Amino acid sequence: MPKFLKELGIKDFKREDKHRESYMLKDVLIEFDTWDKEVFPMPYIEIEAPNIEALENTILLLNIPKDKITSKGLLEIKRDMGLL
């Protein structure tokens, strides 16, 4: 991949490793992500649902507090946490 990126003219890049475990609960995809500590210090969950009702039911079933839910991407979360 680094050689491919260089061929495209992309010079500034770094490698970031992530471990992901994926599960299906009915029709909802739940992914547990853990990055290298230098990239992001804590594990988190991504939930992809076919509709808002399925998402809300999954959040309720997993007992996830509302203040721990965001639709932000990792970059935005890192900015908000002062990690960038």
Protein backbone atom coordinates (compact mmCIF):
# COMPACT_ATOMS: atom_id res chain seq x y z
CA MET A 1 0.00 0.00 0.00
CA PRO A 2 2.75 2.56 0.78
CA LYS A 3 4.24 2.03 -2.68
CA PHE A 4 0.80 2.44 -4.26
CA LEU A 5 0.23 5.71 -2.37
CA LYS A 6 3.63 7.03 -3.45
CA GLU A 7 2.80 6.20 -7.06
CA LEU A 8 -0.35 8.29 -6.69
CA GLY A 9 1.77 11.20 -5.48
CA ILE A 10 0.73 10.96 -1.84
CA LYS A 11 3.81 11.67 0.23
CA ASP A 12 2.60 12.18 3.79
CA PHE A 13 1.02 9.12 5.32
CA LYS A 14 1.47 6.97 8.38
CA ARG A 15 0.42 3.48 9.30
CA GLU A 16 -2.28 3.05 11.93
CA ASP A 17 -3.33 -0.41 13.07
CA LYS A 18 -6.78 -1.38 14.28
CA HIS A 19 -8.30 -4.63 15.51
CA ARG A 20 -11.99 -5.08 14.62
CA GLU A 21 -14.48 -7.72 15.72
CA SER A 22 -17.78 -7.74 13.83
CA TYR A 23 -21.08 -9.24 14.92
CA MET A 24 -24.60 -9.34 13.52
CA LEU A 25 -27.56 -8.95 15.87
CA LYS A 26 -30.65 -9.58 13.77
CA ASP A 27 -30.09 -7.13 10.89
CA VAL A 28 -27.73 -4.79 12.78
CA LEU A 29 -23.95 -4.80 12.35
CA ILE A 30 -22.01 -4.19 15.58
CA GLU A 31 -18.26 -3.65 15.33
CA PHE A 32 -15.83 -3.40 18.22
CA ASP A 33 -12.75 -1.40 17.26
CA THR A 34 -9.47 -1.16 19.14
CA TRP A 35 -6.73 1.05 17.69
CA ASP A 36 -3.08 1.27 18.66
CA LYS A 37 -2.95 3.39 21.83
CA GLU A 38 -1.07 6.14 19.96
CA VAL A 39 -3.92 6.40 17.43
CA PHE A 40 -6.91 6.27 19.78
CA PRO A 41 -6.62 5.40 23.48
CA MET A 42 -9.83 3.45 24.06
CA PRO A 43 -11.96 0.84 22.30
CA TYR A 44 -15.30 1.84 20.87
CA ILE A 45 -18.31 0.35 19.12
CA GLU A 46 -19.73 1.19 15.71
CA ILE A 47 -23.33 0.23 15.03
CA GLU A 48 -24.84 0.15 11.55
CA ALA A 49 -28.56 -0.46 11.28
CA PRO A 50 -30.95 -0.52 8.32
CA ASN A 51 -33.19 2.09 9.96
CA ILE A 52 -33.50 4.32 13.03
CA GLU A 53 -35.91 1.94 14.79
CA ALA A 54 -33.43 -0.95 14.57
CA LEU A 55 -30.66 1.34 15.79
CA GLU A 56 -32.68 2.58 18.76
CA ASN A 57 -33.74 -0.97 19.69
CA THR A 58 -30.10 -2.13 19.60
CA ILE A 59 -28.94 0.79 21.74
CA LEU A 60 -31.68 -0.02 24.25
CA LEU A 61 -30.87 -3.74 24.23
CA LEU A 62 -27.16 -3.07 24.79
CA ASN A 63 -27.98 -0.52 27.51
CA ILE A 64 -25.75 2.16 25.96
CA PRO A 65 -26.15 5.54 27.72
CA LYS A 66 -27.36 8.33 25.42
CA ASP A 67 -24.42 10.57 26.41
CA LYS A 68 -22.04 7.93 25.00
CA ILE A 69 -23.60 7.94 21.52
CA THR A 70 -22.37 10.02 18.60
CA SER A 71 -22.58 10.01 14.84
CA LYS A 72 -19.16 11.68 14.59
CA GLY A 73 -16.27 10.06 12.82
CA LEU A 74 -13.03 9.14 14.58
CA LEU A 75 -11.25 12.29 13.40
CA GLU A 76 -13.98 14.52 14.86
CA ILE A 77 -13.96 12.58 18.15
CA LYS A 78 -10.18 12.94 18.40
CA ARG A 79 -10.45 16.69 17.78
CA ASP A 80 -13.13 17.03 20.46
CA MET A 81 -10.93 15.11 22.91
CA GLY A 82 -7.94 17.32 22.15
CA LEU A 83 -5.97 14.44 20.64
CA LEU A 84 -5.20 16.38 17.43
